[in-house]
Amino acid sequence: MSDILIAVDLSTYSNQVIHTGVQLANTLQQGVILFSVVELGISVGLPETGPVYVDDIPTRIKQVEDQLEVYKAQYPDTTIQTIVTTGYPKEEILSQANLNRVSMIVTGTHGRTGIDHMLLGSNAEYIIRHSRIPVLVVPYNSTKH
C-alpha cells in the first residue's frame, strides 16, 4: 500500500491535522509522509529602514525538520517519513503527492473567509480542485456556526 501525505504548516492547529491523518493511516495500515513547506519570502524594507532582507532559508528548513521530528516522535508505532521543501505550499503539496505516489492527502484549513480568502486564496481549496487523489481536509473550526 502507498503512504498518506499529511501536509502541515506548523501552526498550533497542526497537531490536530497530524493526529487525524495518523489515525487514518493506522486504520488503513499505511505509512505516513509528514510534509511541510518553507515558503520563500523576501521582506523588503523601506529605503530608510536599511537593506532588503532575504530569509535564512537553510535555518528555516532545519527548524521545520526539527519540529516535524517532534511530531513524528509522538507516534512511535507508525511508519513516518518527514519531508520539507521550499516553494508555494499548494503547488509543493500536489507535487510531493505525485512524486511519492501517495494514496491520499490530509491537510487542514484555517477556514479563511472574506478578504483574507480573496487575497490569499485557500491552499486547501486549490488542492481539492487540482488533486487527482482523495483529499481529507480537517476543519480548523470544529464548533457549530
N, C-alpha and C. Protein backbone atom coordinates (compact mmCIF):
# COMPACT_ATOMS: atom_id res chain seq x y z
N MET A 1 0.83 -1.19 0.00
CA MET A 1 0.00 0.00 0.00
C MET A 1 0.87 1.25 0.00
N SER A 2 0.36 2.33 -0.52
CA SER A 2 1.11 3.58 -0.55
C SER A 2 0.83 4.38 0.72
N ASP A 3 1.59 5.43 0.88
CA ASP A 3 1.50 6.26 2.08
C ASP A 3 0.41 7.31 1.95
N ILE A 4 0.13 7.94 3.09
CA ILE A 4 -0.76 9.10 3.16
C ILE A 4 0.13 10.31 3.42
N LEU A 5 -0.04 11.36 2.64
CA LEU A 5 0.71 12.60 2.81
C LEU A 5 -0.07 13.51 3.75
N ILE A 6 0.54 13.86 4.88
CA ILE A 6 -0.07 14.81 5.81
C ILE A 6 0.69 16.12 5.69
N ALA A 7 0.03 17.12 5.16
CA ALA A 7 0.66 18.42 4.91
C ALA A 7 0.27 19.39 6.01
N VAL A 8 1.29 19.95 6.69
CA VAL A 8 1.02 20.88 7.79
C VAL A 8 1.85 22.14 7.65
N ASP A 9 1.35 23.21 8.27
CA ASP A 9 2.04 24.50 8.23
C ASP A 9 2.73 24.83 9.56
N LEU A 10 2.69 23.90 10.50
CA LEU A 10 3.30 24.03 11.82
C LEU A 10 2.64 25.08 12.71
N SER A 11 1.41 25.42 12.40
CA SER A 11 0.63 26.28 13.29
C SER A 11 0.22 25.43 14.49
N THR A 12 -0.38 26.04 15.49
CA THR A 12 -0.81 25.30 16.67
C THR A 12 -1.86 24.25 16.31
N TYR A 13 -2.51 24.42 15.21
CA TYR A 13 -3.55 23.52 14.73
C TYR A 13 -2.97 22.27 14.07
N SER A 14 -1.70 22.28 13.72
CA SER A 14 -1.08 21.16 13.01
C SER A 14 -1.18 19.85 13.77
N ASN A 15 -1.12 19.90 15.08
CA ASN A 15 -1.19 18.68 15.88
C ASN A 15 -2.49 17.92 15.62
N GLN A 16 -3.59 18.65 15.49
CA GLN A 16 -4.89 18.03 15.23
C GLN A 16 -4.91 17.40 13.84
N VAL A 17 -4.35 18.08 12.85
CA VAL A 17 -4.30 17.55 11.48
C VAL A 17 -3.45 16.28 11.46
N ILE A 18 -2.30 16.32 12.11
CA ILE A 18 -1.41 15.16 12.15
C ILE A 18 -2.10 13.99 12.85
N HIS A 19 -2.72 14.25 13.97
CA HIS A 19 -3.40 13.19 14.72
C HIS A 19 -4.47 12.52 13.84
N THR A 20 -5.26 13.31 13.17
CA THR A 20 -6.31 12.77 12.30
C THR A 20 -5.70 11.94 11.17
N GLY A 21 -4.66 12.46 10.55
CA GLY A 21 -4.01 11.74 9.46
C GLY A 21 -3.36 10.44 9.90
N VAL A 22 -2.71 10.46 11.05
CA VAL A 22 -2.06 9.24 11.57
C VAL A 22 -3.11 8.19 11.93
N GLN A 23 -4.20 8.61 12.55
CA GLN A 23 -5.28 7.66 12.86
C GLN A 23 -5.80 7.00 11.59
N LEU A 24 -5.99 7.79 10.55
CA LEU A 24 -6.47 7.26 9.27
C LEU A 24 -5.45 6.29 8.68
N ALA A 25 -4.18 6.66 8.70
CA ALA A 25 -3.13 5.80 8.16
C ALA A 25 -3.07 4.48 8.93
N ASN A 26 -3.18 4.54 10.24
CA ASN A 26 -3.16 3.31 11.04
C ASN A 26 -4.36 2.42 10.73
N THR A 27 -5.52 3.02 10.58
CA THR A 27 -6.72 2.27 10.24
C THR A 27 -6.57 1.58 8.88
N LEU A 28 -5.97 2.27 7.93
CA LEU A 28 -5.79 1.74 6.58
C LEU A 28 -4.49 0.94 6.44
N GLN A 29 -3.74 0.83 7.53
CA GLN A 29 -2.46 0.13 7.54
C GLN A 29 -1.50 0.68 6.48
N GLN A 30 -1.37 2.01 6.50
CA GLN A 30 -0.49 2.70 5.58
C GLN A 30 0.52 3.52 6.37
N GLY A 31 1.63 3.84 5.71
CA GLY A 31 2.62 4.73 6.30
C GLY A 31 2.21 6.17 6.08
N VAL A 32 3.02 7.06 6.66
CA VAL A 32 2.74 8.49 6.60
C VAL A 32 3.96 9.22 6.06
N ILE A 33 3.70 10.20 5.22
CA ILE A 33 4.71 11.19 4.87
C ILE A 33 4.24 12.48 5.52
N LEU A 34 4.99 12.93 6.50
CA LEU A 34 4.68 14.17 7.21
C LEU A 34 5.43 15.28 6.49
N PHE A 35 4.71 16.23 5.93
CA PHE A 35 5.26 17.16 4.97
C PHE A 35 4.96 18.61 5.33
N SER A 36 5.96 19.47 5.12
CA SER A 36 5.76 20.90 5.31
C SER A 36 6.59 21.67 4.29
N VAL A 37 6.16 22.87 4.02
CA VAL A 37 6.81 23.72 3.03
C VAL A 37 7.30 25.00 3.69
N VAL A 38 8.55 25.33 3.43
CA VAL A 38 9.09 26.62 3.84
C VAL A 38 8.85 27.56 2.67
N GLU A 39 7.99 28.52 2.90
CA GLU A 39 7.70 29.48 1.83
C GLU A 39 8.88 30.40 1.64
N LEU A 40 9.22 30.61 0.39
CA LEU A 40 10.32 31.51 0.07
C LEU A 40 9.79 32.92 0.16
N GLY A 41 10.31 33.68 1.11
CA GLY A 41 9.82 35.03 1.32
C GLY A 41 10.94 36.03 1.30
N ILE A 42 10.62 37.17 0.79
CA ILE A 42 11.56 38.28 0.80
C ILE A 42 10.87 39.43 1.49
N SER A 43 11.48 39.93 2.52
CA SER A 43 10.95 41.10 3.20
C SER A 43 11.71 42.32 2.68
N VAL A 44 10.99 43.20 2.07
CA VAL A 44 11.63 44.40 1.53
C VAL A 44 11.29 45.57 2.44
N GLY A 45 12.31 46.16 3.01
CA GLY A 45 12.11 47.32 3.87
C GLY A 45 12.07 48.60 3.06
N LEU A 46 11.57 49.62 3.66
CA LEU A 46 11.61 50.92 3.01
C LEU A 46 13.06 51.41 2.97
N PRO A 47 13.43 52.24 2.03
CA PRO A 47 14.82 52.69 1.91
C PRO A 47 15.42 53.21 3.21
N GLU A 48 14.62 53.89 4.03
CA GLU A 48 15.15 54.44 5.27
C GLU A 48 15.37 53.38 6.34
N THR A 49 14.84 52.16 6.15
CA THR A 49 14.99 51.12 7.18
C THR A 49 16.19 50.21 6.91
N GLY A 50 16.89 50.42 5.83
CA GLY A 50 18.07 49.59 5.58
C GLY A 50 17.92 48.69 4.37
N PRO A 51 18.80 47.71 4.28
CA PRO A 51 18.84 46.86 3.09
C PRO A 51 17.67 45.88 3.01
N VAL A 52 17.50 45.34 1.84
CA VAL A 52 16.49 44.32 1.61
C VAL A 52 16.90 43.07 2.39
N TYR A 53 15.98 42.45 3.08
CA TYR A 53 16.26 41.26 3.88
C TYR A 53 15.71 40.04 3.17
N VAL A 54 16.53 39.01 3.04
CA VAL A 54 16.09 37.74 2.48
C VAL A 54 16.21 36.70 3.60
N ASP A 55 15.16 35.92 3.77
CA ASP A 55 15.14 34.91 4.84
C ASP A 55 16.35 33.97 4.77
N ASP A 56 16.76 33.49 5.92
CA ASP A 56 17.81 32.48 6.02
C ASP A 56 17.14 31.12 5.82
N ILE A 57 17.02 30.72 4.56
CA ILE A 57 16.27 29.52 4.20
C ILE A 57 16.83 28.25 4.85
N PRO A 58 18.16 27.99 4.81
CA PRO A 58 18.65 26.76 5.44
C PRO A 58 18.31 26.65 6.93
N THR A 59 18.35 27.76 7.65
CA THR A 59 17.99 27.75 9.06
C THR A 59 16.52 27.44 9.23
N ARG A 60 15.68 28.05 8.42
CA ARG A 60 14.24 27.81 8.50
C ARG A 60 13.91 26.35 8.17
N ILE A 61 14.58 25.79 7.16
CA ILE A 61 14.35 24.39 6.81
C ILE A 61 14.70 23.49 7.99
N LYS A 62 15.82 23.74 8.63
CA LYS A 62 16.26 22.94 9.77
C LYS A 62 15.25 23.04 10.92
N GLN A 63 14.73 24.22 11.18
CA GLN A 63 13.74 24.40 12.23
C GLN A 63 12.47 23.58 11.94
N VAL A 64 12.04 23.60 10.69
CA VAL A 64 10.84 22.85 10.30
C VAL A 64 11.11 21.35 10.40
N GLU A 65 12.28 20.91 9.93
CA GLU A 65 12.64 19.49 10.05
C GLU A 65 12.62 19.05 11.50
N ASP A 66 13.19 19.86 12.38
CA ASP A 66 13.21 19.53 13.80
C ASP A 66 11.81 19.42 14.38
N GLN A 67 10.93 20.34 14.01
CA GLN A 67 9.56 20.30 14.52
C GLN A 67 8.82 19.07 14.00
N LEU A 68 9.03 18.71 12.74
CA LEU A 68 8.38 17.51 12.21
C LEU A 68 8.86 16.26 12.94
N GLU A 69 10.13 16.24 13.32
CA GLU A 69 10.67 15.11 14.08
C GLU A 69 10.02 15.02 15.46
N VAL A 70 9.69 16.16 16.06
CA VAL A 70 8.99 16.17 17.35
C VAL A 70 7.61 15.54 17.18
N TYR A 71 6.90 15.94 16.15
CA TYR A 71 5.59 15.35 15.87
C TYR A 71 5.72 13.85 15.62
N LYS A 72 6.69 13.47 14.81
CA LYS A 72 6.92 12.06 14.47
C LYS A 72 7.14 11.22 15.72
N ALA A 73 7.89 11.74 16.67
CA ALA A 73 8.20 11.00 17.90
C ALA A 73 6.95 10.69 18.73
N GLN A 74 5.88 11.43 18.51
CA GLN A 74 4.64 11.20 19.25
C GLN A 74 3.92 9.94 18.78
N TYR A 75 4.35 9.38 17.62
CA TYR A 75 3.69 8.22 17.05
C TYR A 75 4.72 7.13 16.73
N PRO A 76 5.33 6.55 17.78
CA PRO A 76 6.41 5.59 17.55
C PRO A 76 5.96 4.31 16.86
N ASP A 77 4.68 3.99 16.90
CA ASP A 77 4.19 2.76 16.28
C ASP A 77 3.74 2.95 14.84
N THR A 78 3.93 4.14 14.29
CA THR A 78 3.53 4.43 12.92
C THR A 78 4.79 4.72 12.10
N THR A 79 4.82 4.17 10.89
CA THR A 79 5.93 4.43 9.98
C THR A 79 5.74 5.83 9.40
N ILE A 80 6.63 6.75 9.77
CA ILE A 80 6.50 8.14 9.34
C ILE A 80 7.82 8.60 8.74
N GLN A 81 7.72 9.15 7.53
CA GLN A 81 8.85 9.79 6.85
C GLN A 81 8.57 11.29 6.87
N THR A 82 9.58 12.11 7.10
CA THR A 82 9.38 13.56 7.07
C THR A 82 10.06 14.15 5.84
N ILE A 83 9.39 15.12 5.25
CA ILE A 83 9.93 15.82 4.08
C ILE A 83 9.65 17.31 4.24
N VAL A 84 10.65 18.13 3.96
CA VAL A 84 10.50 19.58 3.95
C VAL A 84 11.01 20.08 2.60
N THR A 85 10.22 20.92 1.95
CA THR A 85 10.66 21.55 0.70
C THR A 85 10.46 23.05 0.82
N THR A 86 10.87 23.76 -0.21
CA THR A 86 10.65 25.20 -0.28
C THR A 86 9.77 25.49 -1.49
N GLY A 87 9.03 26.58 -1.41
CA GLY A 87 8.20 26.97 -2.53
C GLY A 87 6.84 27.45 -2.08
N TYR A 88 5.85 27.21 -2.95
CA TYR A 88 4.47 27.59 -2.66
C TYR A 88 3.74 26.35 -2.16
N PRO A 89 3.14 26.41 -0.96
CA PRO A 89 2.56 25.21 -0.36
C PRO A 89 1.60 24.44 -1.26
N LYS A 90 0.64 25.10 -1.86
CA LYS A 90 -0.35 24.35 -2.64
C LYS A 90 0.29 23.60 -3.80
N GLU A 91 1.28 24.19 -4.43
CA GLU A 91 1.95 23.52 -5.54
C GLU A 91 2.87 22.41 -5.05
N GLU A 92 3.57 22.67 -3.95
CA GLU A 92 4.50 21.67 -3.41
C GLU A 92 3.76 20.44 -2.86
N ILE A 93 2.61 20.66 -2.26
CA ILE A 93 1.83 19.54 -1.73
C ILE A 93 1.43 18.61 -2.87
N LEU A 94 0.89 19.17 -3.93
CA LEU A 94 0.49 18.35 -5.07
C LEU A 94 1.69 17.68 -5.73
N SER A 95 2.79 18.39 -5.82
CA SER A 95 4.00 17.84 -6.42
C SER A 95 4.52 16.65 -5.61
N GLN A 96 4.60 16.81 -4.29
CA GLN A 96 5.08 15.72 -3.44
C GLN A 96 4.12 14.53 -3.43
N ALA A 97 2.83 14.80 -3.49
CA ALA A 97 1.85 13.72 -3.56
C ALA A 97 2.07 12.90 -4.82
N ASN A 98 2.31 13.57 -5.92
CA ASN A 98 2.56 12.89 -7.19
C ASN A 98 3.90 12.17 -7.17
N LEU A 99 4.93 12.85 -6.73
CA LEU A 99 6.28 12.29 -6.71
C LEU A 99 6.35 11.02 -5.84
N ASN A 100 5.67 11.04 -4.71
CA ASN A 100 5.70 9.91 -3.78
C ASN A 100 4.57 8.91 -3.99
N ARG A 101 3.75 9.16 -4.97
CA ARG A 101 2.63 8.28 -5.34
C ARG A 101 1.78 7.89 -4.12
N VAL A 102 1.39 8.90 -3.37
CA VAL A 102 0.60 8.65 -2.17
C VAL A 102 -0.85 8.33 -2.55
N SER A 103 -1.56 7.72 -1.62
CA SER A 103 -2.95 7.34 -1.88
C SER A 103 -3.94 8.43 -1.47
N MET A 104 -3.48 9.36 -0.60
CA MET A 104 -4.37 10.39 -0.10
C MET A 104 -3.56 11.55 0.48
N ILE A 105 -4.17 12.72 0.46
CA ILE A 105 -3.59 13.91 1.09
C ILE A 105 -4.49 14.29 2.26
N VAL A 106 -3.86 14.56 3.41
CA VAL A 106 -4.59 15.09 4.56
C VAL A 106 -4.00 16.47 4.85
N THR A 107 -4.86 17.45 4.90
CA THR A 107 -4.42 18.81 5.17
C THR A 107 -5.47 19.52 6.02
N GLY A 108 -5.12 20.65 6.53
CA GLY A 108 -6.06 21.42 7.33
C GLY A 108 -6.43 22.70 6.61
N THR A 109 -7.41 23.36 7.14
CA THR A 109 -7.78 24.66 6.61
C THR A 109 -8.01 25.60 7.78
N HIS A 110 -7.64 26.82 7.60
CA HIS A 110 -7.91 27.82 8.63
C HIS A 110 -9.27 28.44 8.44
N GLY A 111 -10.00 28.01 7.41
CA GLY A 111 -11.35 28.49 7.20
C GLY A 111 -11.41 29.97 6.92
N ARG A 112 -10.43 30.46 6.18
CA ARG A 112 -10.43 31.90 5.87
C ARG A 112 -11.66 32.26 5.06
N THR A 113 -12.20 33.41 5.37
CA THR A 113 -13.36 33.90 4.63
C THR A 113 -13.14 35.36 4.32
N GLY A 114 -14.02 35.90 3.53
CA GLY A 114 -13.99 37.32 3.24
C GLY A 114 -12.70 37.76 2.56
N ILE A 115 -12.16 38.90 2.99
CA ILE A 115 -10.98 39.49 2.38
C ILE A 115 -9.78 38.57 2.42
N ASP A 116 -9.50 37.92 3.56
CA ASP A 116 -8.36 37.01 3.65
C ASP A 116 -8.44 35.94 2.58
N HIS A 117 -9.62 35.36 2.40
CA HIS A 117 -9.77 34.29 1.42
C HIS A 117 -9.56 34.83 0.01
N MET A 118 -10.10 36.02 -0.28
CA MET A 118 -9.96 36.57 -1.63
C MET A 118 -8.52 36.96 -1.92
N LEU A 119 -7.82 37.54 -0.96
CA LEU A 119 -6.46 37.99 -1.20
C LEU A 119 -5.45 36.84 -1.18
N LEU A 120 -5.59 35.96 -0.21
CA LEU A 120 -4.61 34.91 -0.02
C LEU A 120 -4.97 33.62 -0.73
N GLY A 121 -6.22 33.44 -1.08
CA GLY A 121 -6.65 32.18 -1.65
C GLY A 121 -6.69 31.13 -0.56
N SER A 122 -7.04 29.94 -0.94
CA SER A 122 -7.11 28.85 0.02
C SER A 122 -6.31 27.68 -0.50
N ASN A 123 -5.24 27.31 0.21
CA ASN A 123 -4.45 26.16 -0.20
C ASN A 123 -5.31 24.91 -0.25
N ALA A 124 -6.14 24.71 0.75
CA ALA A 124 -6.99 23.51 0.78
C ALA A 124 -7.92 23.48 -0.43
N GLU A 125 -8.52 24.61 -0.74
CA GLU A 125 -9.43 24.67 -1.88
C GLU A 125 -8.69 24.35 -3.18
N TYR A 126 -7.50 24.91 -3.35
CA TYR A 126 -6.70 24.66 -4.55
C TYR A 126 -6.35 23.17 -4.65
N ILE A 127 -5.94 22.60 -3.54
CA ILE A 127 -5.56 21.19 -3.53
C ILE A 127 -6.75 20.31 -3.89
N ILE A 128 -7.91 20.60 -3.32
CA ILE A 128 -9.11 19.83 -3.64
C ILE A 128 -9.42 19.92 -5.12
N ARG A 129 -9.33 21.10 -5.68
CA ARG A 129 -9.67 21.29 -7.10
C ARG A 129 -8.68 20.64 -8.06
N HIS A 130 -7.43 20.54 -7.68
CA HIS A 130 -6.40 20.08 -8.60
C HIS A 130 -5.84 18.69 -8.31
N SER A 131 -6.19 18.12 -7.19
CA SER A 131 -5.67 16.80 -6.83
C SER A 131 -6.34 15.72 -7.66
N ARG A 132 -5.55 14.70 -7.98
CA ARG A 132 -6.09 13.55 -8.70
C ARG A 132 -6.29 12.36 -7.77
N ILE A 133 -6.07 12.60 -6.48
CA ILE A 133 -6.29 11.57 -5.47
C ILE A 133 -7.19 12.15 -4.38
N PRO A 134 -7.76 11.31 -3.53
CA PRO A 134 -8.62 11.83 -2.46
C PRO A 134 -7.88 12.79 -1.53
N VAL A 135 -8.63 13.79 -1.05
CA VAL A 135 -8.10 14.78 -0.12
C VAL A 135 -9.04 14.84 1.08
N LEU A 136 -8.44 14.71 2.28
CA LEU A 136 -9.20 14.89 3.50
C LEU A 136 -8.79 16.22 4.10
N VAL A 137 -9.75 17.12 4.25
CA VAL A 137 -9.48 18.43 4.83
C VAL A 137 -10.03 18.43 6.25
N VAL A 138 -9.15 18.64 7.21
CA VAL A 138 -9.54 18.67 8.62
C VAL A 138 -9.90 20.11 8.96
N PRO A 139 -11.15 20.37 9.35
CA PRO A 139 -11.57 21.74 9.59
C PRO A 139 -10.89 22.35 10.81
N TYR A 140 -10.52 23.60 10.67
CA TYR A 140 -9.89 24.34 11.77
C TYR A 140 -10.92 24.64 12.85
N ASN A 141 -12.06 25.07 12.43
CA ASN A 141 -13.12 25.46 13.37
C ASN A 141 -14.13 24.33 13.46
N SER A 142 -14.05 23.56 14.52
CA SER A 142 -14.95 22.42 14.65
C SER A 142 -16.20 22.75 15.47
N THR A 143 -16.35 24.01 15.87
CA THR A 143 -17.55 24.38 16.62
C THR A 143 -18.65 24.74 15.65
N LYS A 144 -19.88 24.63 16.15
CA LYS A 144 -21.04 24.93 15.32
C LYS A 144 -21.09 26.42 15.01
N HIS A 145 -21.44 26.76 13.77
CA HIS A 145 -21.53 28.16 13.35
C HIS A 145 -22.90 28.71 13.68
